[in-house]
Amino acid sequence: MPPELVSRKEYSGFAADIWSLGIIIFVLLTGNLPFNGQNEKELFSRIARCMYHIPETLDFDLKRLISKILVIDPAKRPKAFELL
């Protein structure tokens, strides 16, 4: 769930899908979710503040890709064609 949904703001389906793609890429590369918490409130707080850690073992380009996708402002997320 992207930060704008967690914060109950209006959202763009396209930007939310790009966020979801970033989550999927993160999970496929690390085997873990980027956000976690002891409870739903803590989890949502971390998502809303975009608090996550990318393992140092990942390739620089992969870290850069994830960092470009998992950003709070949906307008700053890349469009699908920009990911190619």
PDB file of N, CA and C in Angstrom:
ATOM      1  N   MET A   1       0.845  -1.168   0.000  1.00  0.00           N
ATOM      2  CA  MET A   1       0.000   0.000   0.000  1.00  0.00           C
ATOM      3  C   MET A   1       0.897   1.239   0.000  1.00  0.00           C
ATOM      4  N   PRO A   2       0.777   2.102  -0.993  1.00  0.00           N
ATOM      5  CA  PRO A   2       1.633   3.288  -1.061  1.00  0.00           C
ATOM      6  C   PRO A   2       1.298   4.314   0.025  1.00  0.00           C
ATOM      7  N   PRO A   3       2.225   5.234   0.289  1.00  0.00           N
ATOM      8  CA  PRO A   3       2.022   6.221   1.353  1.00  0.00           C
ATOM      9  C   PRO A   3       0.742   7.039   1.209  1.00  0.00           C
ATOM     10  N   GLU A   4       0.369   7.351  -0.023  1.00  0.00           N
ATOM     11  CA  GLU A   4      -0.829   8.175  -0.201  1.00  0.00           C
ATOM     12  C   GLU A   4      -2.092   7.426   0.236  1.00  0.00           C
ATOM     13  N   LEU A   5      -2.125   6.132   0.089  1.00  0.00           N
ATOM     14  CA  LEU A   5      -3.266   5.346   0.567  1.00  0.00           C
ATOM     15  C   LEU A   5      -3.237   5.214   2.079  1.00  0.00           C
ATOM     16  N   VAL A   6      -2.047   4.990   2.623  1.00  0.00           N
ATOM     17  CA  VAL A   6      -1.895   4.892   4.078  1.00  0.00           C
ATOM     18  C   VAL A   6      -2.343   6.194   4.732  1.00  0.00           C
ATOM     19  N   SER A   7      -2.030   7.319   4.083  1.00  0.00           N
ATOM     20  CA  SER A   7      -2.382   8.638   4.615  1.00  0.00           C
ATOM     21  C   SER A   7      -3.796   9.066   4.228  1.00  0.00           C
ATOM     22  N   ARG A   8      -4.497   8.190   3.535  1.00  0.00           N
ATOM     23  CA  ARG A   8      -5.884   8.431   3.114  1.00  0.00           C
ATOM     24  C   ARG A   8      -6.038   9.683   2.253  1.00  0.00           C
ATOM     25  N   LYS A   9      -5.086   9.848   1.344  1.00  0.00           N
ATOM     26  CA  LYS A   9      -5.131  10.961   0.400  1.00  0.00           C
ATOM     27  C   LYS A   9      -5.607  10.437  -0.941  1.00  0.00           C
ATOM     28  N   GLU A  10      -5.953  11.358  -1.833  1.00  0.00           N
ATOM     29  CA  GLU A  10      -6.295  10.951  -3.190  1.00  0.00           C
ATOM     30  C   GLU A  10      -5.064  10.310  -3.810  1.00  0.00           C
ATOM     31  N   TYR A  11      -5.303   9.407  -4.746  1.00  0.00           N
ATOM     32  CA  TYR A  11      -4.173   8.723  -5.349  1.00  0.00           C
ATOM     33  C   TYR A  11      -4.421   8.438  -6.816  1.00  0.00           C
ATOM     34  N   SER A  12      -3.317   8.249  -7.520  1.00  0.00           N
ATOM     35  CA  SER A  12      -3.345   7.842  -8.917  1.00  0.00           C
ATOM     36  C   SER A  12      -3.093   6.346  -8.957  1.00  0.00           C
ATOM     37  N   GLY A  13      -3.921   5.630  -9.665  1.00  0.00           N
ATOM     38  CA  GLY A  13      -3.737   4.192  -9.788  1.00  0.00           C
ATOM     39  C   GLY A  13      -2.402   3.836 -10.426  1.00  0.00           C
ATOM     40  N   PHE A  14      -1.970   4.647 -11.394  1.00  0.00           N
ATOM     41  CA  PHE A  14      -0.704   4.379 -12.072  1.00  0.00           C
ATOM     42  C   PHE A  14       0.466   4.530 -11.103  1.00  0.00           C
ATOM     43  N   ALA A  15       0.473   5.605 -10.328  1.00  0.00           N
ATOM     44  CA  ALA A  15       1.560   5.831  -9.368  1.00  0.00           C
ATOM     45  C   ALA A  15       1.544   4.760  -8.280  1.00  0.00           C
ATOM     46  N   ALA A  16       0.359   4.342  -7.865  1.00  0.00           N
ATOM     47  CA  ALA A  16       0.248   3.276  -6.863  1.00  0.00           C
ATOM     48  C   ALA A  16       0.778   1.956  -7.423  1.00  0.00           C
ATOM     49  N   ASP A  17       0.531   1.706  -8.695  1.00  0.00           N
ATOM     50  CA  ASP A  17       1.039   0.486  -9.328  1.00  0.00           C
ATOM     51  C   ASP A  17       2.560   0.496  -9.423  1.00  0.00           C
ATOM     52  N   ILE A  18       3.147   1.663  -9.700  1.00  0.00           N
ATOM     53  CA  ILE A  18       4.609   1.766  -9.750  1.00  0.00           C
ATOM     54  C   ILE A  18       5.181   1.477  -8.359  1.00  0.00           C
ATOM     55  N   TRP A  19       4.547   2.021  -7.323  1.00  0.00           N
ATOM     56  CA  TRP A  19       4.969   1.734  -5.950  1.00  0.00           C
ATOM     57  C   TRP A  19       4.931   0.220  -5.707  1.00  0.00           C
ATOM     58  N   SER A  20       3.846  -0.409  -6.093  1.00  0.00           N
ATOM     59  CA  SER A  20       3.704  -1.857  -5.904  1.00  0.00           C
ATOM     60  C   SER A  20       4.787  -2.620  -6.649  1.00  0.00           C
ATOM     61  N   LEU A  21       5.138  -2.153  -7.837  1.00  0.00           N
ATOM     62  CA  LEU A  21       6.227  -2.764  -8.581  1.00  0.00           C
ATOM     63  C   LEU A  21       7.530  -2.677  -7.791  1.00  0.00           C
ATOM     64  N   GLY A  22       7.772  -1.539  -7.173  1.00  0.00           N
ATOM     65  CA  GLY A  22       8.968  -1.378  -6.344  1.00  0.00           C
ATOM     66  C   GLY A  22       8.994  -2.357  -5.183  1.00  0.00           C
ATOM     67  N   ILE A  23       7.838  -2.569  -4.567  1.00  0.00           N
ATOM     68  CA  ILE A  23       7.743  -3.528  -3.460  1.00  0.00           C
ATOM     69  C   ILE A  23       8.053  -4.941  -3.975  1.00  0.00           C
ATOM     70  N   ILE A  24       7.483  -5.283  -5.111  1.00  0.00           N
ATOM     71  CA  ILE A  24       7.711  -6.615  -5.684  1.00  0.00           C
ATOM     72  C   ILE A  24       9.187  -6.811  -6.026  1.00  0.00           C
ATOM     73  N   ILE A  25       9.806  -5.816  -6.641  1.00  0.00           N
ATOM     74  CA  ILE A  25      11.229  -5.910  -6.964  1.00  0.00           C
ATOM     75  C   ILE A  25      12.044  -6.100  -5.695  1.00  0.00           C
ATOM     76  N   PHE A  26      11.738  -5.325  -4.668  1.00  0.00           N
ATOM     77  CA  PHE A  26      12.462  -5.427  -3.396  1.00  0.00           C
ATOM     78  C   PHE A  26      12.346  -6.839  -2.831  1.00  0.00           C
ATOM     79  N   VAL A  27      11.141  -7.380  -2.808  1.00  0.00           N
ATOM     80  CA  VAL A  27      10.916  -8.720  -2.259  1.00  0.00           C
ATOM     81  C   VAL A  27      11.651  -9.783  -3.088  1.00  0.00           C
ATOM     82  N   LEU A  28      11.578  -9.675  -4.397  1.00  0.00           N
ATOM     83  CA  LEU A  28      12.254 -10.656  -5.252  1.00  0.00           C
ATOM     84  C   LEU A  28      13.770 -10.641  -5.057  1.00  0.00           C
ATOM     85  N   LEU A  29      14.325  -9.469  -4.831  1.00  0.00           N
ATOM     86  CA  LEU A  29      15.778  -9.347  -4.691  1.00  0.00           C
ATOM     87  C   LEU A  29      16.292  -9.669  -3.294  1.00  0.00           C
ATOM     88  N   THR A  30      15.470  -9.417  -2.272  1.00  0.00           N
ATOM     89  CA  THR A  30      15.947  -9.567  -0.897  1.00  0.00           C
ATOM     90  C   THR A  30      15.281 -10.706  -0.132  1.00  0.00           C
ATOM     91  N   GLY A  31      14.093 -11.106  -0.569  1.00  0.00           N
ATOM     92  CA  GLY A  31      13.347 -12.121   0.169  1.00  0.00           C
ATOM     93  C   GLY A  31      12.602 -11.564   1.362  1.00  0.00           C
ATOM     94  N   ASN A  32      12.605 -10.234   1.501  1.00  0.00           N
ATOM     95  CA  ASN A  32      11.930  -9.571   2.620  1.00  0.00           C
ATOM     96  C   ASN A  32      11.098  -8.399   2.121  1.00  0.00           C
ATOM     97  N   LEU A  33      10.118  -8.015   2.920  1.00  0.00           N
ATOM     98  CA  LEU A  33       9.365  -6.800   2.622  1.00  0.00           C
ATOM     99  C   LEU A  33      10.180  -5.596   3.075  1.00  0.00           C
ATOM    100  N   PRO A  34      10.086  -4.470   2.368  1.00  0.00           N
ATOM    101  CA  PRO A  34      10.857  -3.298   2.775  1.00  0.00           C
ATOM    102  C   PRO A  34      10.332  -2.630   4.044  1.00  0.00           C
ATOM    103  N   PHE A  35       9.060  -2.809   4.329  1.00  0.00           N
ATOM    104  CA  PHE A  35       8.458  -2.170   5.496  1.00  0.00           C
ATOM    105  C   PHE A  35       7.923  -3.233   6.444  1.00  0.00           C
ATOM    106  N   ASN A  36       8.152  -3.023   7.725  1.00  0.00           N
ATOM    107  CA  ASN A  36       7.584  -3.923   8.730  1.00  0.00           C
ATOM    108  C   ASN A  36       7.331  -3.127   9.999  1.00  0.00           C
ATOM    109  N   GLY A  37       6.568  -3.700  10.883  1.00  0.00           N
ATOM    110  CA  GLY A  37       6.262  -3.060  12.151  1.00  0.00           C
ATOM    111  C   GLY A  37       5.684  -4.075  13.118  1.00  0.00           C
ATOM    112  N   GLN A  38       5.700  -3.727  14.370  1.00  0.00           N
ATOM    113  CA  GLN A  38       5.163  -4.609  15.403  1.00  0.00           C
ATOM    114  C   GLN A  38       3.640  -4.712  15.307  1.00  0.00           C
ATOM    115  N   ASN A  39       3.022  -3.685  14.720  1.00  0.00           N
ATOM    116  CA  ASN A  39       1.563  -3.676  14.558  1.00  0.00           C
ATOM    117  C   ASN A  39       1.230  -2.834  13.326  1.00  0.00           C
ATOM    118  N   GLU A  40      -0.038  -2.790  12.995  1.00  0.00           N
ATOM    119  CA  GLU A  40      -0.474  -2.071  11.792  1.00  0.00           C
ATOM    120  C   GLU A  40      -0.136  -0.582  11.865  1.00  0.00           C
ATOM    121  N   LYS A  41      -0.301   0.018  13.025  1.00  0.00           N
ATOM    122  CA  LYS A  41      -0.024   1.445  13.185  1.00  0.00           C
ATOM    123  C   LYS A  41       1.446   1.742  12.895  1.00  0.00           C
ATOM    124  N   GLU A  42       2.348   0.929  13.442  1.00  0.00           N
ATOM    125  CA  GLU A  42       3.779   1.120  13.212  1.00  0.00           C
ATOM    126  C   GLU A  42       4.136   0.874  11.744  1.00  0.00           C
ATOM    127  N   LEU A  43       3.557  -0.158  11.149  1.00  0.00           N
ATOM    128  CA  LEU A  43       3.788  -0.459   9.741  1.00  0.00           C
ATOM    129  C   LEU A  43       3.354   0.714   8.865  1.00  0.00           C
ATOM    130  N   PHE A  44       2.146   1.207   9.080  1.00  0.00           N
ATOM    131  CA  PHE A  44       1.633   2.320   8.277  1.00  0.00           C
ATOM    132  C   PHE A  44       2.469   3.580   8.478  1.00  0.00           C
ATOM    133  N   SER A  45       2.957   3.792   9.690  1.00  0.00           N
ATOM    134  CA  SER A  45       3.803   4.949   9.967  1.00  0.00           C
ATOM    135  C   SER A  45       5.096   4.859   9.171  1.00  0.00           C
ATOM    136  N   ARG A  46       5.685   3.683   9.100  1.00  0.00           N
ATOM    137  CA  ARG A  46       6.929   3.507   8.341  1.00  0.00           C
ATOM    138  C   ARG A  46       6.692   3.678   6.844  1.00  0.00           C
ATOM    139  N   ILE A  47       5.564   3.197   6.370  1.00  0.00           N
ATOM    140  CA  ILE A  47       5.236   3.380   4.947  1.00  0.00           C
ATOM    141  C   ILE A  47       5.029   4.861   4.653  1.00  0.00           C
ATOM    142  N   ALA A  48       4.259   5.548   5.509  1.00  0.00           N
ATOM    143  CA  ALA A  48       3.958   6.965   5.288  1.00  0.00           C
ATOM    144  C   ALA A  48       5.226   7.813   5.295  1.00  0.00           C
ATOM    145  N   ARG A  49       6.231   7.421   6.077  1.00  0.00           N
ATOM    146  CA  ARG A  49       7.495   8.151   6.144  1.00  0.00           C
ATOM    147  C   ARG A  49       8.548   7.562   5.212  1.00  0.00           C
ATOM    148  N   CYS A  50       8.175   6.478   4.523  1.00  0.00           N
ATOM    149  CA  CYS A  50       9.052   5.789   3.574  1.00  0.00           C
ATOM    150  C   CYS A  50      10.363   5.365   4.247  1.00  0.00           C
ATOM    151  N   MET A  51      10.222   4.748   5.415  1.00  0.00           N
ATOM    152  CA  MET A  51      11.380   4.280   6.177  1.00  0.00           C
ATOM    153  C   MET A  51      11.680   2.825   5.839  1.00  0.00           C
ATOM    154  N   TYR A  52      12.731   2.620   5.057  1.00  0.00           N
ATOM    155  CA  TYR A  52      13.145   1.271   4.714  1.00  0.00           C
ATOM    156  C   TYR A  52      14.660   1.264   4.526  1.00  0.00           C
ATOM    157  N   HIS A  53      15.239   0.088   4.506  1.00  0.00           N
ATOM    158  CA  HIS A  53      16.683  -0.063   4.345  1.00  0.00           C
ATOM    159  C   HIS A  53      16.942  -1.018   3.191  1.00  0.00           C
ATOM    160  N   ILE A  54      17.774  -0.597   2.262  1.00  0.00           N
ATOM    161  CA  ILE A  54      18.167  -1.461   1.145  1.00  0.00           C
ATOM    162  C   ILE A  54      19.475  -2.146   1.540  1.00  0.00           C
ATOM    163  N   PRO A  55      19.513  -3.463   1.498  1.00  0.00           N
ATOM    164  CA  PRO A  55      20.747  -4.168   1.862  1.00  0.00           C
ATOM    165  C   PRO A  55      21.936  -3.738   1.002  1.00  0.00           C
ATOM    166  N   GLU A  56      23.089  -3.585   1.639  1.00  0.00           N
ATOM    167  CA  GLU A  56      24.308  -3.180   0.944  1.00  0.00           C
ATOM    168  C   GLU A  56      24.743  -4.191  -0.109  1.00  0.00           C
ATOM    169  N   THR A  57      24.284  -5.426   0.018  1.00  0.00           N
ATOM    170  CA  THR A  57      24.696  -6.483  -0.904  1.00  0.00           C
ATOM    171  C   THR A  57      24.091  -6.328  -2.297  1.00  0.00           C
ATOM    172  N   LEU A  58      23.060  -5.506  -2.421  1.00  0.00           N
ATOM    173  CA  LEU A  58      22.445  -5.307  -3.740  1.00  0.00           C
ATOM    174  C   LEU A  58      23.340  -4.453  -4.629  1.00  0.00           C
ATOM    175  N   ASP A  59      23.290  -4.722  -5.908  1.00  0.00           N
ATOM    176  CA  ASP A  59      24.003  -3.967  -6.918  1.00  0.00           C
ATOM    177  C   ASP A  59      23.581  -2.496  -6.873  1.00  0.00           C
ATOM    178  N   PHE A  60      24.513  -1.600  -7.176  1.00  0.00           N
ATOM    179  CA  PHE A  60      24.244  -0.166  -7.146  1.00  0.00           C
ATOM    180  C   PHE A  60      23.039   0.217  -7.999  1.00  0.00           C
ATOM    181  N   ASP A  61      22.964  -0.310  -9.214  1.00  0.00           N
ATOM    182  CA  ASP A  61      21.860   0.038 -10.115  1.00  0.00           C
ATOM    183  C   ASP A  61      20.510  -0.434  -9.567  1.00  0.00           C
ATOM    184  N   LEU A  62      20.495  -1.582  -8.905  1.00  0.00           N
ATOM    185  CA  LEU A  62      19.250  -2.079  -8.309  1.00  0.00           C
ATOM    186  C   LEU A  62      18.838  -1.203  -7.128  1.00  0.00           C
ATOM    187  N   LYS A  63      19.798  -0.792  -6.324  1.00  0.00           N
ATOM    188  CA  LYS A  63      19.495   0.111  -5.204  1.00  0.00           C
ATOM    189  C   LYS A  63      18.938   1.426  -5.734  1.00  0.00           C
ATOM    190  N   ARG A  64      19.537   1.921  -6.812  1.00  0.00           N
ATOM    191  CA  ARG A  64      19.073   3.180  -7.407  1.00  0.00           C
ATOM    192  C   ARG A  64      17.652   3.049  -7.946  1.00  0.00           C
ATOM    193  N   LEU A  65      17.365   1.924  -8.597  1.00  0.00           N
ATOM    194  CA  LEU A  65      16.020   1.684  -9.123  1.00  0.00           C
ATOM    195  C   LEU A  65      14.988   1.668  -7.994  1.00  0.00           C
ATOM    196  N   ILE A  66      15.268   0.916  -6.954  1.00  0.00           N
ATOM    197  CA  ILE A  66      14.336   0.844  -5.822  1.00  0.00           C
ATOM    198  C   ILE A  66      14.154   2.221  -5.191  1.00  0.00           C
ATOM    199  N   SER A  67      15.244   2.958  -5.024  1.00  0.00           N
ATOM    200  CA  SER A  67      15.176   4.297  -4.423  1.00  0.00           C
ATOM    201  C   SER A  67      14.363   5.272  -5.268  1.00  0.00           C
ATOM    202  N   LYS A  68      14.401   5.107  -6.586  1.00  0.00           N
ATOM    203  CA  LYS A  68      13.614   5.977  -7.465  1.00  0.00           C
ATOM    204  C   LYS A  68      12.124   5.647  -7.404  1.00  0.00           C
ATOM    205  N   ILE A  69      11.810   4.388  -7.179  1.00  0.00           N
ATOM    206  CA  ILE A  69      10.411   3.949  -7.173  1.00  0.00           C
ATOM    207  C   ILE A  69       9.746   4.178  -5.819  1.00  0.00           C
ATOM    208  N   LEU A  70      10.426   3.822  -4.745  1.00  0.00           N
ATOM    209  CA  LEU A  70       9.824   3.926  -3.412  1.00  0.00           C
ATOM    210  C   LEU A  70      10.063   5.310  -2.825  1.00  0.00           C
ATOM    211  N   VAL A  71       9.321   6.275  -3.334  1.00  0.00           N
ATOM    212  CA  VAL A  71       9.369   7.654  -2.833  1.00  0.00           C
ATOM    213  C   VAL A  71       7.971   8.070  -2.399  1.00  0.00           C
ATOM    214  N   ILE A  72       7.917   8.951  -1.415  1.00  0.00           N
ATOM    215  CA  ILE A  72       6.630   9.366  -0.846  1.00  0.00           C
ATOM    216  C   ILE A  72       5.759  10.082  -1.868  1.00  0.00           C
ATOM    217  N   ASP A  73       6.338  11.018  -2.595  1.00  0.00           N
ATOM    218  CA  ASP A  73       5.573  11.839  -3.537  1.00  0.00           C
ATOM    219  C   ASP A  73       5.301  11.047  -4.817  1.00  0.00           C
ATOM    220  N   PRO A  74       4.033  10.698  -5.076  1.00  0.00           N
ATOM    221  CA  PRO A  74       3.722   9.912  -6.265  1.00  0.00           C
ATOM    222  C   PRO A  74       4.112  10.611  -7.572  1.00  0.00           C
ATOM    223  N   ALA A  75       4.129  11.932  -7.581  1.00  0.00           N
ATOM    224  CA  ALA A  75       4.504  12.670  -8.787  1.00  0.00           C
ATOM    225  C   ALA A  75       5.991  12.506  -9.108  1.00  0.00           C
ATOM    226  N   LYS A  76       6.793  12.130  -8.119  1.00  0.00           N
ATOM    227  CA  LYS A  76       8.230  11.953  -8.323  1.00  0.00           C
ATOM    228  C   LYS A  76       8.602  10.520  -8.671  1.00  0.00           C
ATOM    229  N   ARG A  77       7.632   9.603  -8.635  1.00  0.00           N
ATOM    230  CA  ARG A  77       7.889   8.233  -9.044  1.00  0.00           C
ATOM    231  C   ARG A  77       7.985   8.171 -10.565  1.00  0.00           C
ATOM    232  N   PRO A  78       8.834   7.300 -11.076  1.00  0.00           N
ATOM    233  CA  PRO A  78       8.942   7.205 -12.536  1.00  0.00           C
ATOM    234  C   PRO A  78       7.660   6.674 -13.164  1.00  0.00           C
ATOM    235  N   LYS A  79       7.460   7.028 -14.395  1.00  0.00           N
ATOM    236  CA  LYS A  79       6.358   6.466 -15.169  1.00  0.00           C
ATOM    237  C   LYS A  79       6.846   5.120 -15.712  1.00  0.00           C
ATOM    238  N   ALA A  80       5.941   4.268 -16.120  1.00  0.00           N
ATOM    239  CA  ALA A  80       6.306   2.923 -16.575  1.00  0.00           C
ATOM    240  C   ALA A  80       7.330   2.979 -17.697  1.00  0.00           C
ATOM    241  N   PHE A  81       7.159   3.875 -18.665  1.00  0.00           N
ATOM    242  CA  PHE A  81       8.084   3.944 -19.793  1.00  0.00           C
ATOM    243  C   PHE A  81       9.456   4.451 -19.375  1.00  0.00           C
ATOM    244  N   GLU A  82       9.566   5.128 -18.239  1.00  0.00           N
ATOM    245  CA  GLU A  82      10.847   5.635 -17.766  1.00  0.00           C
ATOM    246  C   GLU A  82      11.684   4.543 -17.092  1.00  0.00           C
ATOM    247  N   LEU A  83      11.071   3.411 -16.808  1.00  0.00           N
ATOM    248  CA  LEU A  83      11.783   2.319 -16.155  1.00  0.00           C
ATOM    249  C   LEU A  83      12.566   1.471 -17.135  1.00  0.00           C
ATOM    250  N   LEU A  84      12.295   1.630 -18.414  1.00  0.00           N
ATOM    251  CA  LEU A  84      12.970   0.816 -19.435  1.00  0.00           C
ATOM    252  C   LEU A  84      14.399   1.261 -19.650  1.00  0.00           C
TER     253      LEU A  84
END
